[in-house]
Amino acid sequence: MKSGSPSPVYPHSAETLKSGMILQIDIIPSVPGYTGVSAEESIALADAALQSNIQTAYPALWARIVTRRTYIREVLKIKLADEVIPLSNTVAYLRPFLLAKENAFTC
């Protein structure tokens, strides 16, 4: 990994992303005036063998992964590679009120 970088993902990276890696993804809207609004969650990279192992060892977990992946692809219309598995039900979830300043708490 690049010296000082906690992530293998950076410009011109030669790092190899491999099955079994867990990564944090960030969806950060680039809308003026909405700094600090983001959706951060974890995903895993899983080749067919790892996915099969998860499905066999943890069928309930696998069912949740499939449900969330289907939602991301079909409802949110986000292109998601087969090797990317969401690790929670809030991957790619951003509450609409975070974009409505009039509904946010103020101090």
N, C-alpha and C. Protein backbone atom coordinates (compact mmCIF):
# COMPACT_ATOMS: atom_id res chain seq x y z
N MET A 1 0.83 -1.18 0.00
CA MET A 1 0.00 0.00 0.00
C MET A 1 0.88 1.25 0.00
N LYS A 2 0.33 2.31 -0.56
CA LYS A 2 1.05 3.58 -0.62
C LYS A 2 1.38 4.03 0.80
N SER A 3 2.59 4.47 0.98
CA SER A 3 3.03 4.94 2.29
C SER A 3 2.09 6.02 2.82
N GLY A 4 1.58 5.82 4.02
CA GLY A 4 0.70 6.79 4.64
C GLY A 4 -0.76 6.66 4.26
N SER A 5 -1.07 5.78 3.33
CA SER A 5 -2.46 5.62 2.89
C SER A 5 -3.10 4.43 3.59
N PRO A 6 -4.25 4.63 4.25
CA PRO A 6 -4.93 3.51 4.90
C PRO A 6 -5.74 2.67 3.92
N SER A 7 -5.77 3.08 2.67
CA SER A 7 -6.62 2.44 1.68
C SER A 7 -5.80 1.99 0.47
N PRO A 8 -6.18 0.86 -0.12
CA PRO A 8 -5.53 0.45 -1.37
C PRO A 8 -6.09 1.18 -2.59
N VAL A 9 -7.07 2.05 -2.37
CA VAL A 9 -7.71 2.76 -3.47
C VAL A 9 -7.24 4.21 -3.45
N TYR A 10 -6.44 4.56 -4.43
CA TYR A 10 -5.95 5.92 -4.57
C TYR A 10 -5.53 6.11 -6.04
N PRO A 11 -5.37 7.34 -6.48
CA PRO A 11 -5.01 7.57 -7.89
C PRO A 11 -3.76 6.79 -8.31
N HIS A 12 -3.85 6.12 -9.42
CA HIS A 12 -2.75 5.36 -10.03
C HIS A 12 -2.30 4.18 -9.16
N SER A 13 -3.17 3.68 -8.32
CA SER A 13 -2.83 2.56 -7.44
C SER A 13 -2.50 1.31 -8.24
N ALA A 14 -1.50 0.58 -7.79
CA ALA A 14 -1.15 -0.71 -8.38
C ALA A 14 -1.53 -1.84 -7.43
N GLU A 15 -2.22 -1.49 -6.34
CA GLU A 15 -2.62 -2.49 -5.36
C GLU A 15 -3.66 -3.42 -5.96
N THR A 16 -3.64 -4.67 -5.53
CA THR A 16 -4.61 -5.66 -6.00
C THR A 16 -5.71 -5.82 -4.96
N LEU A 17 -6.94 -5.64 -5.40
CA LEU A 17 -8.08 -5.90 -4.52
C LEU A 17 -8.41 -7.37 -4.64
N LYS A 18 -8.57 -8.06 -3.51
CA LYS A 18 -8.72 -9.51 -3.51
C LYS A 18 -9.98 -9.95 -2.78
N SER A 19 -10.44 -11.13 -3.14
CA SER A 19 -11.57 -11.75 -2.46
C SER A 19 -11.25 -11.87 -0.97
N GLY A 20 -12.22 -11.52 -0.15
CA GLY A 20 -12.05 -11.57 1.29
C GLY A 20 -11.75 -10.22 1.91
N MET A 21 -11.43 -9.23 1.09
CA MET A 21 -11.15 -7.90 1.62
C MET A 21 -12.46 -7.22 2.00
N ILE A 22 -12.41 -6.47 3.09
CA ILE A 22 -13.54 -5.66 3.53
C ILE A 22 -13.13 -4.21 3.34
N LEU A 23 -14.01 -3.45 2.71
CA LEU A 23 -13.73 -2.05 2.41
C LEU A 23 -14.88 -1.17 2.87
N GLN A 24 -14.56 0.06 3.22
CA GLN A 24 -15.60 1.04 3.51
C GLN A 24 -15.86 1.81 2.23
N ILE A 25 -17.14 2.00 1.93
CA ILE A 25 -17.50 2.84 0.79
C ILE A 25 -18.14 4.11 1.33
N ASP A 26 -17.92 5.18 0.63
CA ASP A 26 -18.50 6.46 1.00
C ASP A 26 -19.25 7.01 -0.20
N ILE A 27 -20.48 7.40 0.01
CA ILE A 27 -21.24 8.12 -1.01
C ILE A 27 -21.41 9.52 -0.47
N ILE A 28 -20.75 10.46 -1.13
CA ILE A 28 -20.74 11.84 -0.66
C ILE A 28 -21.31 12.73 -1.75
N PRO A 29 -22.53 13.24 -1.54
CA PRO A 29 -23.11 14.12 -2.56
C PRO A 29 -22.26 15.38 -2.73
N SER A 30 -22.03 15.77 -3.94
CA SER A 30 -21.27 16.99 -4.15
C SER A 30 -22.23 18.09 -4.57
N VAL A 31 -22.94 18.56 -3.55
CA VAL A 31 -23.93 19.62 -3.73
C VAL A 31 -23.50 20.79 -2.85
N PRO A 32 -23.31 21.96 -3.42
CA PRO A 32 -22.89 23.11 -2.60
C PRO A 32 -23.83 23.32 -1.40
N GLY A 33 -23.23 23.54 -0.23
CA GLY A 33 -24.01 23.81 0.96
C GLY A 33 -24.35 22.57 1.78
N TYR A 34 -23.98 21.39 1.30
CA TYR A 34 -24.31 20.16 2.01
C TYR A 34 -23.07 19.40 2.45
N THR A 35 -22.06 20.11 2.89
CA THR A 35 -20.86 19.43 3.37
C THR A 35 -21.20 18.61 4.60
N GLY A 36 -20.57 17.48 4.73
CA GLY A 36 -20.80 16.61 5.88
C GLY A 36 -21.88 15.58 5.68
N VAL A 37 -22.64 15.66 4.58
CA VAL A 37 -23.68 14.67 4.31
C VAL A 37 -23.04 13.51 3.55
N SER A 38 -23.17 12.31 4.09
CA SER A 38 -22.60 11.16 3.39
C SER A 38 -23.23 9.86 3.89
N ALA A 39 -23.04 8.84 3.10
CA ALA A 39 -23.46 7.49 3.49
C ALA A 39 -22.20 6.64 3.50
N GLU A 40 -21.85 6.12 4.66
CA GLU A 40 -20.64 5.31 4.80
C GLU A 40 -21.03 3.93 5.30
N GLU A 41 -20.56 2.92 4.62
CA GLU A 41 -20.86 1.54 5.02
C GLU A 41 -19.75 0.61 4.55
N SER A 42 -19.87 -0.64 4.94
CA SER A 42 -18.87 -1.64 4.57
C SER A 42 -19.41 -2.61 3.54
N ILE A 43 -18.49 -2.99 2.65
CA ILE A 43 -18.77 -4.03 1.67
C ILE A 43 -17.62 -5.03 1.73
N ALA A 44 -17.83 -6.19 1.18
CA ALA A 44 -16.75 -7.17 1.07
C ALA A 44 -16.59 -7.55 -0.39
N LEU A 45 -15.39 -7.94 -0.73
CA LEU A 45 -15.14 -8.50 -2.05
C LEU A 45 -15.13 -10.01 -1.88
N ALA A 46 -15.92 -10.70 -2.68
CA ALA A 46 -16.05 -12.15 -2.53
C ALA A 46 -16.17 -12.81 -3.90
N ASP A 47 -15.20 -13.67 -4.20
CA ASP A 47 -15.28 -14.42 -5.45
C ASP A 47 -16.34 -15.51 -5.30
N ALA A 48 -16.57 -16.26 -6.36
CA ALA A 48 -17.63 -17.28 -6.35
C ALA A 48 -17.41 -18.31 -5.24
N ALA A 49 -16.17 -18.69 -4.99
CA ALA A 49 -15.88 -19.69 -3.95
C ALA A 49 -16.25 -19.16 -2.57
N LEU A 50 -15.87 -17.92 -2.27
CA LEU A 50 -16.20 -17.35 -0.96
C LEU A 50 -17.70 -17.15 -0.82
N GLN A 51 -18.36 -16.71 -1.88
CA GLN A 51 -19.81 -16.55 -1.82
C GLN A 51 -20.49 -17.89 -1.55
N SER A 52 -20.01 -18.94 -2.18
CA SER A 52 -20.57 -20.27 -1.95
C SER A 52 -20.36 -20.71 -0.50
N ASN A 53 -19.18 -20.43 0.03
CA ASN A 53 -18.89 -20.78 1.43
C ASN A 53 -19.81 -20.03 2.38
N ILE A 54 -20.03 -18.75 2.14
CA ILE A 54 -20.92 -17.96 2.99
C ILE A 54 -22.34 -18.51 2.90
N GLN A 55 -22.78 -18.79 1.68
CA GLN A 55 -24.14 -19.30 1.47
C GLN A 55 -24.35 -20.62 2.20
N THR A 56 -23.35 -21.48 2.19
CA THR A 56 -23.45 -22.79 2.85
C THR A 56 -23.38 -22.67 4.37
N ALA A 57 -22.42 -21.90 4.85
CA ALA A 57 -22.20 -21.81 6.30
C ALA A 57 -23.19 -20.88 7.00
N TYR A 58 -23.65 -19.86 6.30
CA TYR A 58 -24.52 -18.85 6.92
C TYR A 58 -25.68 -18.50 5.99
N PRO A 59 -26.62 -19.42 5.81
CA PRO A 59 -27.70 -19.19 4.84
C PRO A 59 -28.56 -17.96 5.14
N ALA A 60 -28.82 -17.67 6.40
CA ALA A 60 -29.63 -16.50 6.73
C ALA A 60 -28.89 -15.21 6.37
N LEU A 61 -27.60 -15.17 6.65
CA LEU A 61 -26.77 -14.03 6.27
C LEU A 61 -26.77 -13.87 4.75
N TRP A 62 -26.59 -14.98 4.04
CA TRP A 62 -26.55 -14.92 2.59
C TRP A 62 -27.88 -14.39 2.03
N ALA A 63 -28.98 -14.79 2.61
CA ALA A 63 -30.29 -14.30 2.16
C ALA A 63 -30.38 -12.78 2.31
N ARG A 64 -29.86 -12.25 3.42
CA ARG A 64 -29.87 -10.79 3.62
C ARG A 64 -28.97 -10.09 2.60
N ILE A 65 -27.83 -10.69 2.32
CA ILE A 65 -26.91 -10.12 1.32
C ILE A 65 -27.59 -10.06 -0.04
N VAL A 66 -28.24 -11.14 -0.43
CA VAL A 66 -28.92 -11.19 -1.73
C VAL A 66 -30.04 -10.16 -1.79
N THR A 67 -30.81 -10.05 -0.71
CA THR A 67 -31.91 -9.08 -0.67
C THR A 67 -31.37 -7.66 -0.84
N ARG A 68 -30.32 -7.33 -0.11
CA ARG A 68 -29.77 -5.97 -0.19
C ARG A 68 -29.14 -5.71 -1.56
N ARG A 69 -28.44 -6.70 -2.08
CA ARG A 69 -27.81 -6.53 -3.39
C ARG A 69 -28.88 -6.29 -4.47
N THR A 70 -29.96 -7.04 -4.39
CA THR A 70 -31.07 -6.86 -5.33
C THR A 70 -31.65 -5.46 -5.21
N TYR A 71 -31.84 -4.98 -3.99
CA TYR A 71 -32.37 -3.63 -3.77
C TYR A 71 -31.43 -2.58 -4.37
N ILE A 72 -30.15 -2.72 -4.11
CA ILE A 72 -29.17 -1.76 -4.63
C ILE A 72 -29.23 -1.71 -6.16
N ARG A 73 -29.30 -2.88 -6.77
CA ARG A 73 -29.30 -2.95 -8.23
C ARG A 73 -30.63 -2.52 -8.85
N GLU A 74 -31.72 -3.03 -8.32
CA GLU A 74 -33.01 -2.85 -8.98
C GLU A 74 -33.77 -1.60 -8.56
N VAL A 75 -33.64 -1.20 -7.31
CA VAL A 75 -34.36 -0.02 -6.83
C VAL A 75 -33.49 1.23 -6.93
N LEU A 76 -32.27 1.14 -6.42
CA LEU A 76 -31.38 2.30 -6.46
C LEU A 76 -30.70 2.48 -7.80
N LYS A 77 -30.73 1.43 -8.63
CA LYS A 77 -30.13 1.46 -9.97
C LYS A 77 -28.62 1.72 -9.93
N ILE A 78 -27.96 1.14 -8.93
CA ILE A 78 -26.51 1.23 -8.82
C ILE A 78 -25.93 -0.04 -9.42
N LYS A 79 -25.00 0.12 -10.35
CA LYS A 79 -24.34 -1.04 -10.95
C LYS A 79 -23.40 -1.63 -9.90
N LEU A 80 -23.61 -2.89 -9.60
CA LEU A 80 -22.84 -3.55 -8.55
C LEU A 80 -22.28 -4.85 -9.10
N ALA A 81 -20.98 -4.99 -9.09
CA ALA A 81 -20.34 -6.21 -9.58
C ALA A 81 -20.76 -7.40 -8.72
N ASP A 82 -20.81 -8.57 -9.32
CA ASP A 82 -21.19 -9.77 -8.59
C ASP A 82 -20.26 -10.04 -7.41
N GLU A 83 -19.01 -9.59 -7.50
CA GLU A 83 -18.03 -9.84 -6.44
C GLU A 83 -18.17 -8.90 -5.25
N VAL A 84 -19.03 -7.91 -5.35
CA VAL A 84 -19.23 -6.95 -4.25
C VAL A 84 -20.44 -7.38 -3.45
N ILE A 85 -20.23 -7.63 -2.14
CA ILE A 85 -21.37 -8.00 -1.30
C ILE A 85 -21.54 -6.97 -0.18
N PRO A 86 -22.75 -6.43 -0.05
CA PRO A 86 -23.02 -5.47 1.02
C PRO A 86 -23.04 -6.18 2.37
N LEU A 87 -22.47 -5.54 3.38
CA LEU A 87 -22.40 -6.17 4.70
C LEU A 87 -23.42 -5.63 5.69
N SER A 88 -24.28 -4.74 5.24
CA SER A 88 -25.36 -4.29 6.12
C SER A 88 -26.54 -3.88 5.25
N ASN A 89 -27.65 -3.63 5.89
CA ASN A 89 -28.84 -3.23 5.12
C ASN A 89 -28.88 -1.73 4.86
N THR A 90 -27.82 -1.02 5.24
CA THR A 90 -27.80 0.41 4.99
C THR A 90 -26.74 0.82 3.96
N VAL A 91 -26.18 -0.14 3.24
CA VAL A 91 -25.24 0.22 2.18
C VAL A 91 -26.00 1.03 1.13
N ALA A 92 -25.43 2.16 0.75
CA ALA A 92 -26.01 3.08 -0.24
C ALA A 92 -27.29 3.75 0.25
N TYR A 93 -27.47 3.84 1.56
CA TYR A 93 -28.66 4.44 2.15
C TYR A 93 -28.32 5.81 2.69
N LEU A 94 -29.00 6.82 2.21
CA LEU A 94 -28.81 8.19 2.69
C LEU A 94 -30.18 8.76 3.00
N ARG A 95 -30.42 9.05 4.26
CA ARG A 95 -31.73 9.56 4.66
C ARG A 95 -32.01 10.89 3.97
N PRO A 96 -33.18 11.01 3.37
CA PRO A 96 -33.51 12.26 2.66
C PRO A 96 -33.45 13.50 3.53
N PHE A 97 -33.75 13.39 4.83
CA PHE A 97 -33.76 14.60 5.65
C PHE A 97 -32.37 15.22 5.76
N LEU A 98 -31.33 14.44 5.52
CA LEU A 98 -29.98 15.01 5.57
C LEU A 98 -29.77 16.02 4.45
N LEU A 99 -30.58 15.92 3.41
CA LEU A 99 -30.49 16.88 2.32
C LEU A 99 -31.49 18.02 2.46
N ALA A 100 -32.33 17.97 3.50
CA ALA A 100 -33.33 19.01 3.74
C ALA A 100 -32.89 19.82 4.96
N LYS A 101 -32.17 20.87 4.73
CA LYS A 101 -31.61 21.66 5.84
C LYS A 101 -32.67 22.15 6.81
N GLU A 102 -33.85 22.46 6.32
CA GLU A 102 -34.90 22.98 7.21
C GLU A 102 -35.38 21.93 8.22
N ASN A 103 -35.07 20.66 7.98
CA ASN A 103 -35.48 19.60 8.90
C ASN A 103 -34.34 19.12 9.81
N ALA A 104 -33.17 19.69 9.66
CA ALA A 104 -32.02 19.26 10.45
C ALA A 104 -32.03 19.94 11.82
N PHE A 105 -31.41 19.29 12.80
CA PHE A 105 -31.28 19.90 14.12
C PHE A 105 -30.27 21.04 14.05
N THR A 106 -30.51 22.07 14.83
CA THR A 106 -29.56 23.17 14.92
C THR A 106 -29.26 23.45 16.38
N CYS A 107 -28.13 24.06 16.62
CA CYS A 107 -27.72 24.42 17.99
C CYS A 107 -27.87 25.89 18.21
